[in-house]
Amino acid sequence: MAVTLPSEILFMVLDNLGEEKDYNSLYQCALASKHFTDHALAVLYRIYDASPLRGGGAEDEQLRAQARRTVYTGSREEQNPTLRKWITLWRSIVLSTLDLTYLPYYSYIRYLDLDDLGNLLGTGSAVKDQLFTPELLEFVSQEYVSEGNKRRRSPRTLPDNESIKVKFGSGQFSVSSTFGSYLFLEAIVQKNAMLRGMSCDVAPTILNEWIEVSPQLQSLTVWSGTALSQRAGEKIREHCPDFRQLRIYIWQDKAPAKAEIEAEELFNALPPNSLEYFEVLSFSHLGPRSIKALATQKDSLTELKLTSLTIDTIRELPSLTPLPQLEVLSLTDSAPAAWDEQFDTTLGEVADWIGTCPKLKHLEVRRFMNDSRLLTKALMHDEIRLTGLSFAGFKLAEGFNFLYDLKGHTSLQYLYLRGEGSPDPSHNNLLVESIATLNELRELELKDVSDCFTMEQAGELTMSLLNLERLWISGEAYNDSIWPAFSCLSKLKSLAVYALSNFTADGVVDFISQLGPGNQGFSLSILNATSAFSFPDEVQAMIREILAGSLDGSFDFGLAQEEFSDPDSEIELSD
């Protein structure tokens, strides 16, 4: 007799597939049985923002790589299949707001990414032709054309991409462009009161309207801080009791003081100690008053990421006092300042502030303020127990004190160092010696700083780091003799070798054959091979097939003269 599982169990299985981001299995479940369809599709659209169709997945990377080489002609046969899926995804979401789909897909969305829609619209004119089926064209076209005795919307008068994004987000569609009247439909934002997060680039008035109808909103990403300039903090306080995260790409103004005032007003308007995550990704005019106002959130902040601060603003950071909940701190690309006595005093105060944040786990610095000295002073504090450290701009020939202090931080599980290597063997030996003490490391990225590593030094390093799961390393010149240094890493999942290399196909295959169950999903990248040891396409295909068959892994290969100027522009180990 057939056994029928209760619906609750089936739904739990589908929810687990969603948590594992297993899109293919969810889709197959949706096709397999009408009993699965509704819930499987609900889960799929709930996690659409993490789908490989958009947002950084493997298929997305393939699409970007092809977009650099290919101009889309409009032919479906010539388009990347991921692009077609991407178009279908957004068309189904928007059509669902018009009740023209099997299910209300928009209602399952928890994170609305209109930037992703903007990226899609910017892919090419052929995309709009496929995205705007007659049902959508009816709502976004802005004029009619005569066709016999009939009039229809003109496909040549589609609004600009920004207008389309706003209309799709707010449900504001033109139905009579001649007179400019608008029908405000209950679309994605208005109709979905369950949105938890939003990423958009819209005017302040529109953003305020969206905030007012999003009572579940917890996170917000905006392109410019000026979008928050018209009392957005008050709107959030009044309508979004669970708001916790704010990310801003740029916050600047022709009059820098204006951005400073806007930031101050925002922080003061938010409920005290409610903001857990705050990040500015690019240039900003945040100043001392902004930092003082940020102190209203000091007891709740767990992640703080600031960039392009002036020395006067940096000087205000210690006034926040040790942030009791802070776990992640990123300080990057500050404005140039003279390294005078006052600078040194500020550096010491900031280092003390960093070193006394009791829960700090991950620290990132890049061109902040004499970073090697800053980190040396911060790492001297007994209170600090980092699990992750990212330092871009490290100069091996000048970083001895930093390396000596690094030895004591055996709690580190992730270490990223990028900067300038040194031809002096003693310098490289010190780097190897310091990192080799960090035997809890899971991920190690040495970019440029290990350019002068010999194969022996690389071997000494890996012998001590048996927990490594990801490794990026360069060096002077590597050949097949280096493989034993990597094969001893039984947990390794990803290896990127940027050393000028003379590897042979037989050596690579022999290395792969020595990998075990702990290396399942192994990714091998040989990125700087000499032309004399180029692998023909058929050899690369053979290695990919072996890796995929034995470990469900992948293989990338690049010649030295074909590399991009930025070696990690395409392959990055960091999540």
Protein backbone atom coordinates (compact mmCIF):
# COMPACT_ATOMS: atom_id res chain seq x y z
CA MET A 1 0.00 0.00 0.00
CA ALA A 2 1.34 3.41 -0.96
CA VAL A 3 2.36 5.66 1.91
CA THR A 4 1.28 9.29 1.72
CA LEU A 5 3.31 11.82 3.64
CA PRO A 6 1.36 14.52 5.48
CA SER A 7 1.41 17.92 3.81
CA GLU A 8 3.30 19.34 6.78
CA ILE A 9 6.21 16.97 6.14
CA LEU A 10 6.27 17.74 2.42
CA PHE A 11 6.29 21.46 3.13
CA MET A 12 9.16 21.00 5.60
CA VAL A 13 11.14 19.22 2.87
CA LEU A 14 10.51 22.09 0.45
CA ASP A 15 11.44 24.67 3.09
CA ASN A 16 14.71 22.80 3.71
CA LEU A 17 15.45 22.86 -0.01
CA GLY A 18 14.90 26.60 0.14
CA GLU A 19 17.31 26.99 3.04
CA GLU A 20 19.89 25.04 1.04
CA LYS A 21 19.25 27.26 -2.01
CA ASP A 22 18.53 24.17 -4.10
CA TYR A 23 16.71 25.96 -6.91
CA ASN A 24 16.75 23.09 -9.36
CA SER A 25 15.17 20.62 -6.92
CA LEU A 26 12.50 23.15 -5.99
CA TYR A 27 11.69 23.74 -9.63
CA GLN A 28 11.50 20.01 -10.33
CA CYS A 29 9.20 19.59 -7.33
CA ALA A 30 6.96 22.32 -8.71
CA LEU A 31 6.68 20.35 -11.95
CA ALA A 32 6.37 16.92 -10.35
CA SER A 33 3.00 17.21 -8.64
CA LYS A 34 0.19 19.69 -8.19
CA HIS A 35 0.49 19.01 -4.46
CA PHE A 36 4.00 20.49 -4.54
CA THR A 37 3.51 23.31 -7.01
CA ASP A 38 2.13 26.11 -4.87
CA HIS A 39 4.52 25.71 -1.96
CA ALA A 40 7.58 24.98 -4.13
CA LEU A 41 7.00 28.14 -6.20
CA ALA A 42 6.36 30.17 -3.05
CA VAL A 43 9.74 29.06 -1.68
CA LEU A 44 11.45 29.73 -5.03
CA TYR A 45 10.22 33.30 -5.22
CA ARG A 46 10.91 33.91 -1.55
CA ILE A 47 14.61 33.28 -2.21
CA TYR A 48 14.74 34.74 -5.72
CA ASP A 49 17.15 37.47 -4.52
CA ALA A 50 19.85 34.84 -3.87
CA SER A 51 19.19 32.95 -7.10
CA PRO A 52 22.10 32.31 -9.50
CA LEU A 53 19.96 34.09 -12.09
CA ARG A 54 20.95 37.31 -10.31
CA GLY A 55 23.01 38.47 -7.40
CA GLY A 56 26.41 36.81 -7.86
CA GLY A 57 25.71 33.14 -8.47
CA ALA A 58 27.60 30.92 -10.88
CA GLU A 59 25.19 31.46 -13.75
CA ASP A 60 25.29 35.18 -13.11
CA GLU A 61 29.08 35.14 -13.41
CA GLN A 62 28.79 33.28 -16.73
CA LEU A 63 26.36 35.90 -17.94
CA ARG A 64 28.66 38.76 -17.00
CA ALA A 65 31.63 37.07 -18.65
CA GLN A 66 29.68 36.57 -21.86
CA ALA A 67 28.31 40.11 -21.76
CA ARG A 68 31.88 41.44 -22.02
CA ARG A 69 32.39 39.51 -25.22
CA THR A 70 28.97 39.38 -26.85
CA VAL A 71 26.55 41.98 -28.14
CA TYR A 72 23.04 40.61 -27.87
CA THR A 73 21.36 40.70 -31.26
CA GLY A 74 17.85 39.96 -30.08
CA SER A 75 17.86 36.36 -31.31
CA ARG A 76 16.80 34.00 -28.56
CA GLU A 77 19.10 31.34 -29.97
CA GLU A 78 22.12 33.64 -29.62
CA GLN A 79 21.37 34.78 -26.09
CA ASN A 80 22.79 33.24 -22.97
CA PRO A 81 20.10 30.98 -21.49
CA THR A 82 20.62 32.63 -18.11
CA LEU A 83 19.62 35.97 -19.62
CA ARG A 84 16.38 34.47 -20.90
CA LYS A 85 15.66 33.01 -17.46
CA TRP A 86 16.44 36.38 -15.88
CA ILE A 87 13.94 38.09 -18.19
CA THR A 88 11.32 35.44 -17.42
CA LEU A 89 11.86 35.85 -13.68
CA TRP A 90 11.13 39.58 -13.69
CA ARG A 91 8.31 39.34 -16.21
CA SER A 92 6.52 36.78 -14.05
CA ILE A 93 6.98 38.94 -10.93
CA VAL A 94 5.59 42.05 -12.59
CA LEU A 95 2.75 40.22 -14.35
CA SER A 96 1.73 38.73 -11.02
CA THR A 97 1.07 42.23 -9.65
CA LEU A 98 -1.52 42.56 -12.42
CA ASP A 99 -3.15 39.23 -11.47
CA LEU A 100 -2.05 37.73 -14.79
CA THR A 101 -0.15 34.71 -13.44
CA TYR A 102 -1.03 31.36 -11.91
CA LEU A 103 0.13 32.50 -8.45
CA PRO A 104 0.80 35.90 -6.87
CA TYR A 105 4.57 35.58 -7.08
CA TYR A 106 5.14 39.14 -5.87
CA SER A 107 3.58 38.25 -2.52
CA TYR A 108 6.28 35.66 -1.78
CA ILE A 109 9.14 38.14 -2.18
CA ARG A 110 10.85 39.15 1.04
CA TYR A 111 13.76 41.15 -0.41
CA LEU A 112 12.92 43.47 -3.30
CA ASP A 113 15.98 44.26 -5.44
CA LEU A 114 15.05 46.89 -8.01
CA ASP A 115 18.75 47.40 -8.75
CA ASP A 116 18.71 43.91 -10.20
CA LEU A 117 15.84 44.92 -12.47
CA GLY A 118 17.86 47.98 -13.50
CA ASN A 119 20.83 45.76 -14.37
CA LEU A 120 18.56 43.62 -16.51
CA LEU A 121 17.08 46.62 -18.33
CA GLY A 122 20.60 47.87 -19.03
CA THR A 123 21.70 44.63 -20.67
CA GLY A 124 20.45 45.67 -24.12
CA SER A 125 17.49 46.83 -26.17
CA ALA A 126 16.58 43.24 -27.05
CA VAL A 127 15.82 42.62 -23.38
CA LYS A 128 13.01 45.17 -23.35
CA ASP A 129 11.51 43.61 -26.45
CA GLN A 130 11.27 40.27 -24.64
CA LEU A 131 10.39 41.66 -21.23
CA PHE A 132 7.52 43.84 -22.41
CA THR A 133 4.94 41.39 -23.61
CA PRO A 134 1.64 43.01 -24.71
CA GLU A 135 0.24 42.92 -21.18
CA LEU A 136 3.18 44.93 -19.79
CA LEU A 137 3.58 47.13 -22.83
CA GLU A 138 0.02 48.33 -22.23
CA PHE A 139 1.11 49.80 -18.92
CA VAL A 140 4.54 51.26 -19.60
CA SER A 141 4.33 52.62 -23.14
CA GLN A 142 3.79 56.36 -23.23
CA GLU A 143 2.01 56.98 -26.50
CA TYR A 144 -0.34 55.40 -29.02
CA VAL A 145 0.23 54.70 -32.72
CA SER A 146 -2.47 54.30 -35.35
CA GLU A 147 -2.94 50.94 -36.98
CA GLY A 148 -5.88 51.13 -39.38
CA ASN A 149 -8.92 52.09 -37.37
CA LYS A 150 -7.25 50.99 -34.15
CA ARG A 151 -4.75 52.53 -31.81
CA ARG A 152 -2.15 50.60 -29.86
CA ARG A 153 0.78 51.35 -27.52
CA SER A 154 4.01 52.22 -29.29
CA PRO A 155 6.96 49.99 -28.39
CA ARG A 156 9.27 52.79 -29.47
CA THR A 157 8.21 55.03 -26.60
CA LEU A 158 9.08 52.94 -23.60
CA PRO A 159 10.06 55.13 -20.64
CA ASP A 160 13.63 55.21 -19.41
CA ASN A 161 14.92 52.43 -17.18
CA GLU A 162 14.66 54.45 -13.97
CA SER A 163 11.02 55.27 -14.63
CA ILE A 164 10.27 51.63 -15.34
CA LYS A 165 11.88 50.55 -12.07
CA VAL A 166 9.89 53.09 -10.08
CA LYS A 167 6.65 52.10 -11.80
CA PHE A 168 7.25 48.41 -11.24
CA GLY A 169 8.17 49.05 -7.64
CA SER A 170 5.33 51.39 -6.78
CA GLY A 171 2.76 50.19 -9.27
CA GLN A 172 2.54 53.57 -10.97
CA PHE A 173 1.73 52.78 -14.61
CA SER A 174 0.84 55.23 -17.35
CA VAL A 175 -2.47 54.50 -19.03
CA SER A 176 -3.02 57.83 -20.75
CA SER A 177 0.27 59.41 -21.57
CA THR A 178 -1.23 62.12 -23.75
CA PHE A 179 -2.80 63.80 -20.75
CA GLY A 180 -0.34 62.45 -18.21
CA SER A 181 -2.90 60.82 -15.96
CA TYR A 182 -1.79 57.86 -13.86
CA LEU A 183 -3.43 54.82 -12.40
CA PHE A 184 -1.80 53.80 -9.12
CA LEU A 185 -2.03 50.04 -8.98
CA GLU A 186 -1.28 48.01 -5.91
CA ALA A 187 1.98 46.57 -7.17
CA ILE A 188 5.04 44.99 -5.60
CA VAL A 189 5.53 47.40 -2.69
CA GLN A 190 1.92 48.39 -2.10
CA LYS A 191 0.55 44.88 -2.40
CA ASN A 192 3.27 43.07 -0.47
CA ALA A 193 3.25 44.12 3.16
CA MET A 194 5.67 41.31 4.02
CA LEU A 195 8.79 42.86 2.49
CA ARG A 196 11.73 42.50 4.87
CA GLY A 197 14.36 44.22 2.73
CA MET A 198 14.65 46.60 -0.19
CA SER A 199 17.41 47.75 -2.55
CA CYS A 200 16.58 50.75 -4.73
CA ASP A 201 17.67 54.05 -6.23
CA VAL A 202 14.66 56.36 -6.00
CA ALA A 203 13.79 59.92 -5.02
CA PRO A 204 13.26 60.71 -1.31
CA THR A 205 9.51 61.20 -1.70
CA ILE A 206 9.07 57.80 -3.35
CA LEU A 207 11.25 56.08 -0.76
CA ASN A 208 9.18 57.60 2.04
CA GLU A 209 5.98 56.31 0.41
CA TRP A 210 7.46 52.81 0.19
CA ILE A 211 8.61 52.91 3.81
CA GLU A 212 5.12 53.88 4.94
CA VAL A 213 3.59 50.73 3.39
CA SER A 214 6.35 48.32 4.48
CA PRO A 215 5.72 47.58 8.17
CA GLN A 216 7.96 44.48 8.14
CA LEU A 217 10.97 46.31 6.66
CA GLN A 218 14.22 45.33 8.37
CA SER A 219 16.94 46.31 5.86
CA LEU A 220 17.35 49.02 3.27
CA THR A 221 19.98 49.62 0.58
CA VAL A 222 19.99 52.92 -1.31
CA TRP A 223 22.35 54.28 -3.92
CA SER A 224 22.60 57.77 -2.44
CA GLY A 225 22.21 58.96 1.10
CA THR A 226 20.18 61.87 -0.23
CA ALA A 227 17.29 59.40 -0.65
CA LEU A 228 17.07 59.52 3.15
CA SER A 229 17.12 63.32 3.34
CA GLN A 230 13.40 64.02 3.75
CA ARG A 231 12.76 62.66 7.23
CA ALA A 232 13.25 59.01 6.25
CA GLY A 233 14.46 58.29 9.79
CA GLU A 234 11.15 59.47 11.20
CA LYS A 235 9.24 57.39 8.65
CA ILE A 236 11.23 54.31 9.65
CA ARG A 237 10.65 54.97 13.35
CA GLU A 238 6.90 55.39 12.80
CA HIS A 239 6.26 52.53 10.38
CA CYS A 240 9.07 49.95 10.63
CA PRO A 241 9.54 48.75 14.23
CA ASP A 242 11.89 45.91 13.19
CA PHE A 243 14.26 48.02 11.07
CA ARG A 244 17.88 46.96 11.69
CA GLN A 245 20.14 47.39 8.63
CA LEU A 246 21.11 50.32 6.40
CA ARG A 247 23.53 50.23 3.46
CA ILE A 248 24.40 53.30 1.35
CA TYR A 249 26.59 53.38 -1.76
CA ILE A 250 27.51 57.08 -1.67
CA TRP A 251 26.60 59.96 0.59
CA GLN A 252 27.90 63.24 -0.74
CA ASP A 253 26.68 66.62 -1.84
CA LYS A 254 28.04 69.67 -3.60
CA ALA A 255 27.93 71.27 -0.17
CA PRO A 256 29.55 68.62 2.09
CA ALA A 257 27.90 70.07 5.18
CA LYS A 258 24.50 69.14 3.76
CA ALA A 259 25.29 65.41 3.72
CA GLU A 260 26.67 65.79 7.22
CA ILE A 261 23.43 67.36 8.44
CA GLU A 262 21.31 64.73 6.69
CA ALA A 263 23.26 61.91 8.35
CA GLU A 264 23.02 63.56 11.74
CA GLU A 265 19.26 63.99 11.39
CA LEU A 266 18.82 60.38 10.26
CA PHE A 267 20.69 58.81 13.17
CA ASN A 268 18.96 61.04 15.70
CA ALA A 269 15.52 60.22 14.23
CA LEU A 270 15.95 56.43 14.36
CA PRO A 271 14.95 54.71 17.60
CA PRO A 272 17.98 54.69 19.93
CA ASN A 273 20.06 51.52 19.78
CA SER A 274 17.98 49.92 17.04
CA LEU A 275 20.45 49.92 14.12
CA GLU A 276 22.57 46.77 13.98
CA TYR A 277 24.25 47.18 10.59
CA PHE A 278 25.47 50.39 8.95
CA GLU A 279 27.63 50.59 5.83
CA VAL A 280 28.79 53.26 3.39
CA LEU A 281 30.33 51.56 0.38
CA SER A 282 31.84 54.46 -1.54
CA PHE A 283 32.59 58.15 -1.25
CA SER A 284 30.87 60.07 1.51
CA HIS A 285 30.84 63.44 3.25
CA LEU A 286 30.15 62.01 6.68
CA GLY A 287 31.88 64.11 9.30
CA PRO A 288 32.37 64.44 13.06
CA ARG A 289 28.73 65.36 13.65
CA SER A 290 27.66 62.16 11.87
CA ILE A 291 29.84 60.05 14.15
CA LYS A 292 28.51 61.81 17.24
CA ALA A 293 24.96 61.14 16.09
CA LEU A 294 25.86 57.51 15.31
CA ALA A 295 26.52 57.16 19.05
CA THR A 296 22.74 56.94 19.46
CA GLN A 297 23.12 53.42 18.01
CA LYS A 298 26.31 52.37 19.78
CA ASP A 299 24.76 49.69 21.99
CA SER A 300 23.12 47.84 19.08
CA LEU A 301 25.68 48.04 16.25
CA THR A 302 27.12 44.64 15.33
CA GLU A 303 28.57 45.62 11.92
CA LEU A 304 30.04 49.02 11.01
CA LYS A 305 31.65 49.73 7.63
CA LEU A 306 32.89 53.25 6.88
CA THR A 307 34.91 54.68 4.01
CA SER A 308 36.50 57.94 2.79
CA LEU A 309 36.56 59.56 6.23
CA THR A 310 38.55 62.73 6.83
CA ILE A 311 41.09 62.86 9.64
CA ASP A 312 38.70 65.07 11.66
CA THR A 313 36.00 62.42 11.32
CA ILE A 314 38.42 59.63 12.21
CA ARG A 315 39.40 61.57 15.31
CA GLU A 316 35.78 61.32 16.48
CA LEU A 317 35.58 57.50 16.27
CA PRO A 318 36.92 56.84 19.81
CA SER A 319 34.06 58.98 21.15
CA LEU A 320 31.78 56.03 20.34
CA THR A 321 33.56 54.22 23.21
CA PRO A 322 34.08 50.44 22.91
CA LEU A 323 31.00 49.24 21.04
CA PRO A 324 29.67 46.40 23.21
CA GLN A 325 28.04 44.35 20.39
CA LEU A 326 30.35 45.15 17.47
CA GLU A 327 31.54 42.02 15.64
CA VAL A 328 32.55 43.38 12.21
CA LEU A 329 34.48 46.60 11.55
CA SER A 330 35.64 47.88 8.15
CA LEU A 331 37.61 51.11 7.75
CA THR A 332 38.78 51.93 4.22
CA ASP A 333 40.07 54.62 1.86
CA SER A 334 40.23 57.64 4.14
CA ALA A 335 41.06 61.10 2.85
CA PRO A 336 44.81 61.88 2.72
CA ALA A 337 46.25 63.52 5.83
CA ALA A 338 49.72 64.59 6.98
CA TRP A 339 51.43 62.01 9.20
CA ASP A 340 52.30 64.53 11.88
CA GLU A 341 52.28 64.30 15.68
CA GLN A 342 48.54 64.88 15.88
CA PHE A 343 48.02 62.08 13.33
CA ASP A 344 50.06 59.71 15.51
CA THR A 345 47.99 60.63 18.55
CA THR A 346 44.78 59.96 16.65
CA LEU A 347 46.16 56.65 15.35
CA GLY A 348 46.90 55.48 18.87
CA GLU A 349 43.45 56.47 20.12
CA VAL A 350 41.70 54.72 17.22
CA ALA A 351 43.84 51.61 17.73
CA ASP A 352 42.89 51.53 21.40
CA TRP A 353 39.23 51.96 20.48
CA ILE A 354 39.42 49.03 18.03
CA GLY A 355 41.35 46.83 20.42
CA THR A 356 38.89 47.29 23.26
CA CYS A 357 35.68 46.40 21.38
CA PRO A 358 34.96 43.22 23.35
CA LYS A 359 33.11 41.17 20.70
CA LEU A 360 35.04 42.21 17.58
CA LYS A 361 35.58 39.17 15.34
CA HIS A 362 36.32 40.48 11.86
CA LEU A 363 38.46 43.53 11.07
CA GLU A 364 39.14 45.03 7.64
CA VAL A 365 41.45 47.95 6.89
CA ARG A 366 42.51 49.34 3.52
CA ARG A 367 44.33 52.63 3.01
CA PHE A 368 42.89 53.93 6.25
CA MET A 369 45.71 55.49 8.31
CA ASN A 370 49.21 53.96 8.34
CA ASP A 371 47.46 50.62 8.55
CA SER A 372 50.44 48.49 9.52
CA ARG A 373 51.07 50.60 12.63
CA LEU A 374 47.38 50.83 13.39
CA LEU A 375 46.96 47.04 13.30
CA THR A 376 50.14 46.48 15.29
CA LYS A 377 48.81 48.67 18.10
CA ALA A 378 45.28 47.22 17.92
CA LEU A 379 46.48 43.60 17.95
CA MET A 380 48.50 44.23 21.11
CA HIS A 381 45.29 44.45 23.14
CA ASP A 382 44.54 41.31 25.11
CA GLU A 383 40.79 41.82 24.72
CA ILE A 384 40.80 41.34 20.96
CA ARG A 385 40.09 37.81 19.63
CA LEU A 386 39.69 38.05 15.87
CA THR A 387 38.51 35.22 13.65
CA GLY A 388 38.93 37.25 10.43
CA LEU A 389 41.46 39.87 9.35
CA SER A 390 41.61 41.64 5.97
CA PHE A 391 44.54 43.97 5.27
CA ALA A 392 44.96 45.44 1.77
CA GLY A 393 48.01 47.63 1.26
CA PHE A 394 50.43 45.56 3.34
CA LYS A 395 54.11 46.09 2.46
CA LEU A 396 56.14 43.08 3.45
CA ALA A 397 59.43 45.00 3.68
CA GLU A 398 57.90 47.40 6.24
CA GLY A 399 55.53 45.16 8.18
CA PHE A 400 57.77 43.29 10.62
CA ASN A 401 56.06 44.53 13.78
CA PHE A 402 52.66 43.63 12.38
CA LEU A 403 53.83 40.11 11.54
CA TYR A 404 55.31 39.60 15.02
CA ASP A 405 52.02 40.62 16.65
CA LEU A 406 50.04 38.54 14.17
CA LYS A 407 51.64 35.37 15.57
CA GLY A 408 49.70 35.57 18.79
CA HIS A 409 46.27 35.65 17.14
CA THR A 410 45.77 31.93 16.77
CA SER A 411 41.99 32.38 16.81
CA LEU A 412 42.11 33.62 13.19
CA GLN A 413 40.19 31.48 10.72
CA TYR A 414 40.31 33.86 7.75
CA LEU A 415 43.30 35.99 6.69
CA TYR A 416 43.49 38.23 3.62
CA LEU A 417 46.75 40.05 2.88
CA ARG A 418 47.32 42.05 -0.25
CA GLY A 419 50.05 44.53 -1.05
CA GLU A 420 53.72 44.38 -1.97
CA GLY A 421 56.00 41.39 -1.67
CA SER A 422 59.74 41.47 -1.06
CA PRO A 423 62.64 39.73 -2.84
CA ASP A 424 64.48 39.36 0.49
CA PRO A 425 64.26 35.67 1.58
CA SER A 426 64.32 36.65 5.26
CA HIS A 427 61.21 38.78 4.79
CA ASN A 428 59.37 35.90 3.15
CA ASN A 429 60.54 33.50 5.85
CA LEU A 430 59.11 35.82 8.51
CA LEU A 431 55.80 35.96 6.65
CA VAL A 432 55.70 32.16 6.44
CA GLU A 433 56.70 31.79 10.10
CA SER A 434 54.01 34.21 11.29
CA ILE A 435 51.17 32.71 9.27
CA ALA A 436 52.23 29.15 10.05
CA THR A 437 51.36 29.73 13.72
CA LEU A 438 47.71 30.34 12.76
CA ASN A 439 46.78 26.68 12.60
CA GLU A 440 43.03 27.37 12.85
CA LEU A 441 43.00 29.14 9.48
CA ARG A 442 40.25 28.01 7.13
CA GLU A 443 40.81 30.59 4.40
CA LEU A 444 44.09 32.24 3.38
CA GLU A 445 44.51 34.75 0.56
CA LEU A 446 48.01 36.05 -0.15
CA LYS A 447 47.76 38.41 -3.08
CA ASP A 448 50.98 39.97 -4.37
CA VAL A 449 52.61 39.76 -0.92
CA SER A 450 53.72 36.18 -1.71
CA ASP A 451 55.04 36.96 -5.21
CA CYS A 452 58.56 35.99 -4.20
CA PHE A 453 57.66 32.75 -2.41
CA THR A 454 59.68 29.74 -3.41
CA MET A 455 58.03 26.34 -3.64
CA GLU A 456 59.85 25.38 -0.45
CA GLN A 457 58.35 28.32 1.43
CA ALA A 458 54.89 27.50 0.13
CA GLY A 459 55.37 23.93 1.33
CA GLU A 460 56.46 25.05 4.79
CA LEU A 461 53.34 27.18 5.02
CA THR A 462 50.84 24.50 4.02
CA MET A 463 52.39 21.85 6.29
CA SER A 464 51.26 23.92 9.29
CA LEU A 465 47.80 24.88 8.03
CA LEU A 466 46.05 21.54 7.77
CA ASN A 467 42.58 23.05 8.32
CA LEU A 468 42.73 25.20 5.18
CA GLU A 469 39.65 25.07 2.98
CA ARG A 470 40.50 27.91 0.60
CA LEU A 471 43.89 29.14 -0.55
CA TRP A 472 45.04 31.83 -2.97
CA ILE A 473 48.81 32.03 -3.36
CA SER A 474 51.40 33.42 -5.76
CA GLY A 475 55.13 32.81 -6.00
CA GLU A 476 58.31 33.06 -8.06
CA ALA A 477 57.94 30.02 -10.35
CA TYR A 478 56.01 26.85 -9.62
CA ASN A 479 56.11 23.50 -11.34
CA ASP A 480 54.76 20.03 -10.60
CA SER A 481 57.05 19.77 -7.57
CA ILE A 482 54.65 22.01 -5.66
CA TRP A 483 51.67 19.63 -5.77
CA PRO A 484 52.62 17.62 -2.65
CA ALA A 485 52.48 20.88 -0.68
CA PHE A 486 48.81 21.19 -1.63
CA SER A 487 47.79 17.54 -1.57
CA CYS A 488 48.48 17.40 2.18
CA LEU A 489 45.50 19.75 2.71
CA SER A 490 42.76 17.17 3.17
CA LYS A 491 40.03 19.79 3.72
CA LEU A 492 40.91 22.07 0.82
CA LYS A 493 37.93 23.09 -1.33
CA SER A 494 39.41 25.87 -3.45
CA LEU A 495 42.96 26.49 -4.68
CA ALA A 496 44.00 29.46 -6.83
CA VAL A 497 47.65 29.53 -7.93
CA TYR A 498 48.80 32.86 -9.34
CA ALA A 499 52.49 32.07 -9.43
CA LEU A 500 54.14 32.01 -12.85
CA SER A 501 53.76 28.28 -13.44
CA ASN A 502 55.09 25.47 -15.59
CA PHE A 503 52.55 22.81 -14.66
CA THR A 504 51.97 19.81 -16.88
CA ALA A 505 48.64 18.14 -17.50
CA ASP A 506 49.98 14.88 -16.09
CA GLY A 507 51.06 16.66 -12.92
CA VAL A 508 47.63 18.24 -12.50
CA VAL A 509 45.82 14.95 -13.08
CA ASP A 510 48.13 13.18 -10.63
CA PHE A 511 47.42 15.87 -8.02
CA ILE A 512 43.68 15.53 -8.51
CA SER A 513 43.90 11.76 -8.13
CA GLN A 514 45.38 12.20 -4.64
CA LEU A 515 42.48 14.31 -3.37
CA GLY A 516 40.01 12.62 -1.05
CA PRO A 517 36.44 12.87 0.24
CA GLY A 518 37.29 15.96 2.29
CA ASN A 519 38.03 17.82 -0.95
CA GLN A 520 34.52 17.34 -2.36
CA GLY A 521 33.52 20.28 -4.59
CA PHE A 522 37.19 21.15 -5.19
CA SER A 523 37.87 24.19 -7.40
CA LEU A 524 41.31 24.48 -9.02
CA SER A 525 42.44 27.70 -10.71
CA ILE A 526 45.80 27.96 -12.51
CA LEU A 527 45.87 31.64 -13.39
CA ASN A 528 49.36 32.55 -14.58
CA ALA A 529 50.75 29.71 -16.69
CA THR A 530 53.66 30.34 -19.06
CA SER A 531 52.85 30.05 -22.74
CA ALA A 532 55.30 27.16 -23.09
CA PHE A 533 53.05 25.13 -20.78
CA SER A 534 49.69 26.12 -22.18
CA PHE A 535 46.92 23.55 -21.90
CA PRO A 536 45.00 23.00 -25.16
CA ASP A 537 41.22 23.25 -24.93
CA GLU A 538 40.83 19.47 -25.06
CA VAL A 539 43.24 19.05 -22.13
CA GLN A 540 41.38 21.64 -20.09
CA ALA A 541 38.11 19.86 -20.90
CA MET A 542 39.62 16.54 -19.80
CA ILE A 543 40.74 18.00 -16.45
CA ARG A 544 37.32 19.57 -15.91
CA GLU A 545 35.67 16.25 -16.64
CA ILE A 546 37.92 14.41 -14.19
CA LEU A 547 37.34 16.96 -11.44
CA ALA A 548 33.60 17.05 -12.03
CA GLY A 549 33.36 13.27 -12.06
CA SER A 550 35.48 12.50 -9.03
CA LEU A 551 34.82 15.50 -6.76
CA ASP A 552 31.99 17.48 -8.36
CA GLY A 553 34.66 20.13 -8.84
CA SER A 554 35.70 22.74 -11.41
CA PHE A 555 38.83 23.95 -13.23
CA ASP A 556 39.97 27.34 -14.56
CA PHE A 557 43.09 28.03 -16.59
CA GLY A 558 44.76 31.23 -17.77
CA LEU A 559 48.01 32.17 -19.49
CA ALA A 560 50.22 34.87 -18.02
CA GLN A 561 49.97 37.22 -20.99
CA GLU A 562 46.19 36.87 -21.08
CA GLU A 563 45.56 37.82 -17.44
CA PHE A 564 43.69 40.94 -16.49
CA SER A 565 45.63 43.73 -14.84
CA ASP A 566 43.69 42.99 -11.66
CA PRO A 567 44.22 39.25 -11.06
CA ASP A 568 41.27 38.87 -8.70
CA SER A 569 38.79 40.78 -10.84
CA GLU A 570 37.13 37.56 -11.95
CA ILE A 571 37.98 34.92 -9.37
CA GLU A 572 37.63 35.87 -5.73
CA LEU A 573 37.76 33.45 -2.85
CA SER A 574 35.97 35.79 -0.45
CA ASP A 575 32.25 35.23 0.09
